[in-house]
Each structure stands twice: as structure tokens, then as C-alpha cells.
């Protein structure tokens, strides 16, 4: 599977796996170089930094199986006035081709009963493809970051 394969989280997913294995940022950059990824060291270090921040903020969610729908235990309850359903959040990370900066985008997928993490990620990627092309950005990571169960509460 290629390192840039978005189904595994792309380069950010590779960085998350490296962090989980106890690799340093320099070891991650060296592993990318050895794989033939063709990314400058500076960009690799930025990706690694983003992955560390994601791991700290979202914990296990960013490494859970993509082919599974989030369970009730992995979700949080979110009271609303009228809405019901499941809201899944995806974070997309793009590298600007001109500057090398990493840009974050968030995308929410609302469904009646939830979908697999991979389906939510794919919807987010599809929805952002036009903007990424227009602004000359390359996808370096796509991660499922959370699930909320929307519960309508009546005003008492």
C-alpha cells in the first residue's frame, strides 16, 4: 500500500503509526526518504508535528479501523433542539505546493445511523477535491476524528 494512500490516512497516517511505534520525527523523515516518497525533510517534519497534535487531541480515534462504523461507546451524545442522527467529523490535511505549508480542513458528515469511517473520509475528500485543485494543494492526510450522536431535546 503506498504511503500516500488516503485509505490509510496518507502521510499523516504513516506518521501516526511511526509515533505509535516510538519513532522520532527524524526517524519518520528518514523512513519517508527510504520509501521514495519524495517529500522534503522540512515538509516531513511538519507532517509529523501535525500527527503528534492529532494524536494528542483525538487519542485513539485517529487510529481506529476505517472499515467499521463508530460504536456507541466510541461516540459522544450531543443534545440539539431538533436534529437527530449521527454527525461524523473528518479532518483533511493538505500541503500547499507553492509554500509547503500544511492546511487543515474539517468536514462533517451527517447521516441517520452512521457510516464507516472510510465512507465519511471519502465523502470529505470528494467534497474538497475541487478546492484542492484550484489552490494547488496535495492531500497528505485524511482522518476520522470523532462521532457525535445528535439527540433532540424538548424545551421544558
C-alpha atoms as a PDB file:
ATOM      1  CA  UNK A   1       0.000   0.000   0.000  1.00  0.00           C
ATOM      2  CA  UNK A   2       1.502   3.375  -0.952  1.00  0.00           C
ATOM      3  CA  UNK A   3       2.294   5.787   1.873  1.00  0.00           C
ATOM      4  CA  UNK A   4       0.124   8.460   0.294  1.00  0.00           C
ATOM      5  CA  UNK A   5      -2.908   6.168   0.133  1.00  0.00           C
ATOM      6  CA  UNK A   6      -5.707   8.147   1.768  1.00  0.00           C
ATOM      7  CA  UNK A   7      -7.450   4.937   2.886  1.00  0.00           C
ATOM      8  CA  UNK A   8      -4.679   4.540   5.468  1.00  0.00           C
ATOM      9  CA  UNK A   9      -4.618   8.218   6.438  1.00  0.00           C
ATOM     10  CA  UNK A  10      -1.974   9.197   3.884  1.00  0.00           C
ATOM     11  CA  UNK A  11       1.359  10.540   5.068  1.00  0.00           C
ATOM     12  CA  UNK A  12      -0.266  11.669   8.319  1.00  0.00           C
ATOM     13  CA  UNK A  13      -1.492   8.116   8.933  1.00  0.00           C
ATOM     14  CA  UNK A  14       2.047   6.871   8.330  1.00  0.00           C
ATOM     15  CA  UNK A  15       3.298   9.470  10.840  1.00  0.00           C
ATOM     16  CA  UNK A  16       0.695   8.329  13.398  1.00  0.00           C
ATOM     17  CA  UNK A  17       1.907   4.753  13.021  1.00  0.00           C
ATOM     18  CA  UNK A  18       5.507   5.949  13.441  1.00  0.00           C
ATOM     19  CA  UNK A  19       4.565   7.851  16.607  1.00  0.00           C
ATOM     20  CA  UNK A  20       2.789   4.757  17.926  1.00  0.00           C
ATOM     21  CA  UNK A  21       5.969   2.752  17.293  1.00  0.00           C
ATOM     22  CA  UNK A  22       8.033   5.295  19.232  1.00  0.00           C
ATOM     23  CA  UNK A  23       9.871   6.784  16.240  1.00  0.00           C
ATOM     24  CA  UNK A  24      11.223  10.327  16.405  1.00  0.00           C
ATOM     25  CA  UNK A  25      10.496  12.978  13.800  1.00  0.00           C
ATOM     26  CA  UNK A  26      13.929  12.412  12.269  1.00  0.00           C
ATOM     27  CA  UNK A  27      13.338   8.656  12.061  1.00  0.00           C
ATOM     28  CA  UNK A  28       9.994   9.322  10.381  1.00  0.00           C
ATOM     29  CA  UNK A  29      11.614  11.675   7.848  1.00  0.00           C
ATOM     30  CA  UNK A  30      14.294   9.051   7.134  1.00  0.00           C
ATOM     31  CA  UNK A  31      11.636   6.347   6.664  1.00  0.00           C
ATOM     32  CA  UNK A  32       9.813   8.567   4.162  1.00  0.00           C
ATOM     33  CA  UNK A  33      13.051   9.185   2.284  1.00  0.00           C
ATOM     34  CA  UNK A  34      13.793   5.436   2.189  1.00  0.00           C
ATOM     35  CA  UNK A  35      10.301   4.726   0.874  1.00  0.00           C
ATOM     36  CA  UNK A  36      10.862   7.033  -2.069  1.00  0.00           C
ATOM     37  CA  UNK A  37       8.034   9.381  -1.055  1.00  0.00           C
ATOM     38  CA  UNK A  38       9.884  12.392  -2.473  1.00  0.00           C
ATOM     39  CA  UNK A  39       8.973  14.793   0.332  1.00  0.00           C
ATOM     40  CA  UNK A  40      11.473  17.336   1.632  1.00  0.00           C
ATOM     41  CA  UNK A  41      12.641  16.857   5.219  1.00  0.00           C
ATOM     42  CA  UNK A  42      11.046  20.139   6.306  1.00  0.00           C
ATOM     43  CA  UNK A  43       7.643  19.039   4.992  1.00  0.00           C
ATOM     44  CA  UNK A  44       8.045  15.598   6.613  1.00  0.00           C
ATOM     45  CA  UNK A  45       8.730  17.281   9.955  1.00  0.00           C
ATOM     46  CA  UNK A  46       5.618  19.449   9.544  1.00  0.00           C
ATOM     47  CA  UNK A  47       3.529  16.363   8.821  1.00  0.00           C
ATOM     48  CA  UNK A  48       4.990  14.610  11.869  1.00  0.00           C
ATOM     49  CA  UNK A  49       4.176  17.641  14.035  1.00  0.00           C
ATOM     50  CA  UNK A  50       0.585  17.675  12.792  1.00  0.00           C
ATOM     51  CA  UNK A  51       0.292  13.951  13.506  1.00  0.00           C
ATOM     52  CA  UNK A  52       1.561  14.432  17.086  1.00  0.00           C
ATOM     53  CA  UNK A  53      -1.002  17.192  17.628  1.00  0.00           C
ATOM     54  CA  UNK A  54      -3.784  14.992  16.220  1.00  0.00           C
ATOM     55  CA  UNK A  55      -2.774  12.054  18.413  1.00  0.00           C
ATOM     56  CA  UNK A  56      -2.760  14.305  21.486  1.00  0.00           C
ATOM     57  CA  UNK A  57      -6.123  15.886  20.670  1.00  0.00           C
ATOM     58  CA  UNK A  58      -8.108  12.909  19.379  1.00  0.00           C
ATOM     59  CA  UNK A  59      -6.431   9.942  21.063  1.00  0.00           C
ATOM     60  CA  UNK A  60      -7.340   6.521  19.709  1.00  0.00           C
ATOM     61  CA  UNK A  61      -9.990   7.757  17.260  1.00  0.00           C
ATOM     62  CA  UNK A  62      -7.468   8.601  14.535  1.00  0.00           C
ATOM     63  CA  UNK A  63      -6.111   5.026  14.523  1.00  0.00           C
ATOM     64  CA  UNK A  64      -9.366   3.053  14.796  1.00  0.00           C
ATOM     65  CA  UNK A  65     -10.323   0.646  11.965  1.00  0.00           C
ATOM     66  CA  UNK A  66     -11.622   2.534   8.944  1.00  0.00           C
ATOM     67  CA  UNK A  67     -13.899  -0.260   7.756  1.00  0.00           C
ATOM     68  CA  UNK A  68     -16.082  -0.063  10.886  1.00  0.00           C
ATOM     69  CA  UNK A  69     -18.901   2.240  11.865  1.00  0.00           C
ATOM     70  CA  UNK A  70     -18.164   4.004  15.174  1.00  0.00           C
ATOM     71  CA  UNK A  71     -19.811   2.241  18.111  1.00  0.00           C
ATOM     72  CA  UNK A  72     -21.935   3.891  20.776  1.00  0.00           C
ATOM     73  CA  UNK A  73     -19.011   3.626  23.225  1.00  0.00           C
ATOM     74  CA  UNK A  74     -16.757   5.481  20.742  1.00  0.00           C
ATOM     75  CA  UNK A  75     -19.313   8.262  20.261  1.00  0.00           C
ATOM     76  CA  UNK A  76     -20.488  11.096  22.421  1.00  0.00           C
ATOM     77  CA  UNK A  77     -24.014  12.324  22.970  1.00  0.00           C
ATOM     78  CA  UNK A  78     -24.746  15.779  21.624  1.00  0.00           C
ATOM     79  CA  UNK A  79     -28.091  17.309  22.620  1.00  0.00           C
ATOM     80  CA  UNK A  80     -29.756  19.518  19.993  1.00  0.00           C
ATOM     81  CA  UNK A  81     -33.030  21.375  19.708  1.00  0.00           C
ATOM     82  CA  UNK A  82     -34.421  19.446  16.747  1.00  0.00           C
ATOM     83  CA  UNK A  83     -31.758  17.455  14.881  1.00  0.00           C
ATOM     84  CA  UNK A  84     -31.309  13.742  15.258  1.00  0.00           C
ATOM     85  CA  UNK A  85     -28.849  11.358  13.657  1.00  0.00           C
ATOM     86  CA  UNK A  86     -25.107  10.833  13.665  1.00  0.00           C
ATOM     87  CA  UNK A  87     -22.519  13.513  12.923  1.00  0.00           C
ATOM     88  CA  UNK A  88     -19.057  12.282  11.958  1.00  0.00           C
ATOM     89  CA  UNK A  89     -16.093  14.649  11.683  1.00  0.00           C
ATOM     90  CA  UNK A  90     -13.190  14.228   9.275  1.00  0.00           C
ATOM     91  CA  UNK A  91     -10.013  16.278   9.243  1.00  0.00           C
ATOM     92  CA  UNK A  92      -8.224  16.709   5.932  1.00  0.00           C
ATOM     93  CA  UNK A  93      -4.635  17.888   5.711  1.00  0.00           C
ATOM     94  CA  UNK A  94      -3.264  19.352   2.512  1.00  0.00           C
ATOM     95  CA  UNK A  95       0.232  20.523   1.603  1.00  0.00           C
ATOM     96  CA  UNK A  96       0.323  23.722  -0.414  1.00  0.00           C
ATOM     97  CA  UNK A  97       2.548  23.058  -3.399  1.00  0.00           C
ATOM     98  CA  UNK A  98       3.947  26.597  -3.520  1.00  0.00           C
ATOM     99  CA  UNK A  99       4.711  27.225   0.173  1.00  0.00           C
ATOM    100  CA  UNK A 100       4.902  23.687   1.596  1.00  0.00           C
ATOM    101  CA  UNK A 101       2.571  24.748   4.425  1.00  0.00           C
ATOM    102  CA  UNK A 102       0.123  22.223   5.853  1.00  0.00           C
ATOM    103  CA  UNK A 103      -3.501  23.373   5.674  1.00  0.00           C
ATOM    104  CA  UNK A 104      -6.289  21.788   7.739  1.00  0.00           C
ATOM    105  CA  UNK A 105      -9.894  21.433   6.664  1.00  0.00           C
ATOM    106  CA  UNK A 106     -12.734  19.937   8.649  1.00  0.00           C
ATOM    107  CA  UNK A 107     -15.744  18.237   7.141  1.00  0.00           C
ATOM    108  CA  UNK A 108     -18.881  16.917   8.841  1.00  0.00           C
ATOM    109  CA  UNK A 109     -20.954  14.023   7.533  1.00  0.00           C
ATOM    110  CA  UNK A 110     -24.478  13.761   8.921  1.00  0.00           C
ATOM    111  CA  UNK A 111     -26.407  10.521   8.474  1.00  0.00           C
ATOM    112  CA  UNK A 112     -29.362   8.830  10.118  1.00  0.00           C
ATOM    113  CA  UNK A 113     -27.414   5.920  11.618  1.00  0.00           C
ATOM    114  CA  UNK A 114     -23.715   6.493  10.860  1.00  0.00           C
ATOM    115  CA  UNK A 115     -21.411   5.124   8.178  1.00  0.00           C
ATOM    116  CA  UNK A 116     -17.961   3.566   8.222  1.00  0.00           C
ATOM    117  CA  UNK A 117     -15.040   5.855   8.926  1.00  0.00           C
ATOM    118  CA  UNK A 118     -13.733   5.208   5.403  1.00  0.00           C
ATOM    119  CA  UNK A 119     -17.031   6.259   3.820  1.00  0.00           C
ATOM    120  CA  UNK A 120     -17.010   9.501   5.840  1.00  0.00           C
ATOM    121  CA  UNK A 121     -13.398  10.163   4.836  1.00  0.00           C
ATOM    122  CA  UNK A 122     -14.169   9.523   1.170  1.00  0.00           C
ATOM    123  CA  UNK A 123     -17.140  11.925   1.249  1.00  0.00           C
ATOM    124  CA  UNK A 124     -14.898  14.612   2.742  1.00  0.00           C
ATOM    125  CA  UNK A 125     -12.169  14.060   0.139  1.00  0.00           C
ATOM    126  CA  UNK A 126     -14.696  14.126  -2.704  1.00  0.00           C
ATOM    127  CA  UNK A 127     -16.258  17.348  -1.404  1.00  0.00           C
ATOM    128  CA  UNK A 128     -12.871  19.101  -1.198  1.00  0.00           C
ATOM    129  CA  UNK A 129     -11.234  17.899  -4.428  1.00  0.00           C
ATOM    130  CA  UNK A 130     -12.201  20.991  -6.434  1.00  0.00           C
ATOM    131  CA  UNK A 131     -10.814  23.445  -3.883  1.00  0.00           C
ATOM    132  CA  UNK A 132      -7.595  21.451  -3.515  1.00  0.00           C
ATOM    133  CA  UNK A 133      -7.073  21.526  -7.269  1.00  0.00           C
ATOM    134  CA  UNK A 134      -7.889  25.223  -7.535  1.00  0.00           C
ATOM    135  CA  UNK A 135      -5.454  26.171  -4.742  1.00  0.00           C
ATOM    136  CA  UNK A 136      -2.726  23.710  -5.817  1.00  0.00           C
ATOM    137  CA  UNK A 137      -2.862  21.592  -2.682  1.00  0.00           C
ATOM    138  CA  UNK A 138      -1.909  17.936  -2.324  1.00  0.00           C
ATOM    139  CA  UNK A 139      -3.740  15.710   0.145  1.00  0.00           C
ATOM    140  CA  UNK A 140      -1.328  14.374   2.776  1.00  0.00           C
ATOM    141  CA  UNK A 141      -3.810  13.051   5.314  1.00  0.00           C
ATOM    142  CA  UNK A 142      -7.470  12.300   5.863  1.00  0.00           C
ATOM    143  CA  UNK A 143      -8.528  11.177   9.320  1.00  0.00           C
ATOM    144  CA  UNK A 144     -11.791  10.413  11.078  1.00  0.00           C
ATOM    145  CA  UNK A 145     -11.657  12.492  14.258  1.00  0.00           C
ATOM    146  CA  UNK A 146     -14.954  11.944  16.031  1.00  0.00           C
ATOM    147  CA  UNK A 147     -18.579  10.903  16.152  1.00  0.00           C
ATOM    148  CA  UNK A 148     -21.497  12.599  17.874  1.00  0.00           C
ATOM    149  CA  UNK A 149     -24.963  11.160  18.287  1.00  0.00           C
ATOM    150  CA  UNK A 150     -27.392  14.039  17.855  1.00  0.00           C
ATOM    151  CA  UNK A 151     -30.302  13.781  20.265  1.00  0.00           C
ATOM    152  CA  UNK A 152     -33.261  16.171  20.094  1.00  0.00           C
ATOM    153  CA  UNK A 153     -34.213  17.518  23.477  1.00  0.00           C
ATOM    154  CA  UNK A 154     -37.531  19.236  24.042  1.00  0.00           C
ATOM    155  CA  UNK A 155     -37.529  22.516  25.881  1.00  0.00           C
ATOM    156  CA  UNK A 156     -39.252  22.053  29.204  1.00  0.00           C
END
